[in-house]
């Protein structure tokens, strides 16, 4: 996927929802899957590059895919393992955001 084609990467930060905890992160992923019927939710890390990730809830944890890399990267991480993943680092620093669901 073309990194510049990801709307979340160019969205105004004022229009994105900050993710403040692992519990909220888990809720947002599952909420999106239940309400939209689509697997996963897209998150972005605030900063210069604004990397984007698609996260899907699975029984074993979270399937995380970086969307804007030249080489696709995918990880499977449990909630405690998120601390060692870039998403967990962004979460700890208050830099993880997602788009609100349409009403």
Protein backbone atom coordinates (compact mmCIF):
# COMPACT_ATOMS: atom_id res chain seq x y z
CA UNK A 1 0.00 0.00 0.00
CA UNK A 2 1.28 3.47 -0.84
CA UNK A 3 2.23 5.23 2.39
CA UNK A 4 0.94 8.57 1.14
CA UNK A 5 -2.43 7.00 0.27
CA UNK A 6 -3.19 6.25 3.94
CA UNK A 7 -5.67 8.94 5.07
CA UNK A 8 -4.71 8.54 8.73
CA UNK A 9 -1.15 9.66 7.95
CA UNK A 10 -2.34 13.01 6.64
CA UNK A 11 -5.28 13.57 8.99
CA UNK A 12 -5.15 16.59 11.25
CA UNK A 13 -4.09 15.44 14.72
CA UNK A 14 -7.04 17.35 16.24
CA UNK A 15 -9.41 14.93 14.50
CA UNK A 16 -7.72 11.78 15.78
CA UNK A 17 -8.38 9.98 19.07
CA UNK A 18 -5.42 9.62 21.43
CA UNK A 19 -4.92 6.13 22.84
CA UNK A 20 -3.97 6.34 26.51
CA UNK A 21 -3.71 2.77 27.80
CA UNK A 22 -3.38 -0.86 26.72
CA UNK A 23 -6.96 -1.44 27.87
CA UNK A 24 -8.21 1.42 25.71
CA UNK A 25 -6.11 0.13 22.80
CA UNK A 26 -7.69 -3.32 23.11
CA UNK A 27 -11.18 -1.80 23.39
CA UNK A 28 -10.68 0.38 20.30
CA UNK A 29 -9.52 -2.58 18.19
CA UNK A 30 -12.44 -4.78 19.24
CA UNK A 31 -14.97 -1.93 19.03
CA UNK A 32 -14.02 -1.30 15.41
CA UNK A 33 -14.23 -4.99 14.52
CA UNK A 34 -17.66 -5.39 16.15
CA UNK A 35 -19.22 -2.18 14.82
CA UNK A 36 -17.83 -2.26 11.28
CA UNK A 37 -17.54 -6.00 10.69
CA UNK A 38 -14.03 -5.42 9.31
CA UNK A 39 -10.96 -6.99 10.82
CA UNK A 40 -8.73 -4.55 12.63
CA UNK A 41 -8.28 -0.86 13.18
CA UNK A 42 -5.67 1.56 11.88
CA UNK A 43 -3.38 3.46 14.23
CA UNK A 44 -0.76 6.12 13.59
CA UNK A 45 2.25 7.21 15.62
CA UNK A 46 2.56 10.99 15.88
CA UNK A 47 5.86 12.34 14.66
CA UNK A 48 7.72 13.23 11.52
CA UNK A 49 7.23 9.93 9.66
CA UNK A 50 3.78 9.11 11.13
CA UNK A 51 4.04 5.32 10.64
CA UNK A 52 0.67 3.58 10.33
CA UNK A 53 -0.29 0.15 11.64
CA UNK A 54 -3.29 -2.13 11.14
CA UNK A 55 -4.11 -4.07 14.32
CA UNK A 56 -6.42 -7.07 14.43
CA UNK A 57 -7.52 -8.85 17.63
CA UNK A 58 -6.88 -12.59 17.75
CA UNK A 59 -7.27 -15.19 20.48
CA UNK A 60 -3.48 -15.20 21.02
CA UNK A 61 -3.15 -11.40 21.10
CA UNK A 62 -2.88 -8.72 18.44
CA UNK A 63 -1.82 -9.18 14.83
CA UNK A 64 0.05 -5.98 13.99
CA UNK A 65 1.02 -5.01 10.45
CA UNK A 66 2.97 -1.91 9.46
CA UNK A 67 1.12 -0.44 6.50
CA UNK A 68 3.59 2.04 5.12
CA UNK A 69 6.81 0.06 4.93
CA UNK A 70 8.49 -0.99 1.72
CA UNK A 71 8.77 -4.49 3.16
CA UNK A 72 5.62 -5.63 4.99
CA UNK A 73 6.25 -6.23 8.68
CA UNK A 74 3.84 -8.28 10.78
CA UNK A 75 3.96 -9.20 14.45
CA UNK A 76 1.81 -11.17 16.85
CA UNK A 77 1.91 -9.67 20.33
CA UNK A 78 0.01 -10.20 23.54
CA UNK A 79 -1.02 -7.17 25.60
CA UNK A 80 2.07 -7.45 27.88
CA UNK A 81 4.35 -7.83 24.83
CA UNK A 82 3.14 -4.52 23.37
CA UNK A 83 5.65 -2.73 25.61
CA UNK A 84 8.50 -3.97 23.40
CA UNK A 85 6.78 -3.06 20.11
CA UNK A 86 6.85 0.41 18.47
CA UNK A 87 3.10 0.71 19.14
CA UNK A 88 3.75 0.14 22.84
CA UNK A 89 6.54 2.72 22.87
CA UNK A 90 4.24 5.25 21.19
CA UNK A 91 1.45 4.42 23.64
CA UNK A 92 3.77 4.96 26.62
CA UNK A 93 4.85 8.34 25.21
CA UNK A 94 1.30 9.51 24.40
CA UNK A 95 1.93 9.41 20.64
CA UNK A 96 -0.53 6.71 19.50
CA UNK A 97 -3.71 7.82 17.71
CA UNK A 98 -6.59 6.35 15.73
CA UNK A 99 -9.46 7.72 13.69
CA UNK A 100 -12.88 7.91 15.34
CA UNK A 101 -15.53 5.62 13.88
CA UNK A 102 -18.11 7.29 11.68
CA UNK A 103 -21.47 7.76 13.46
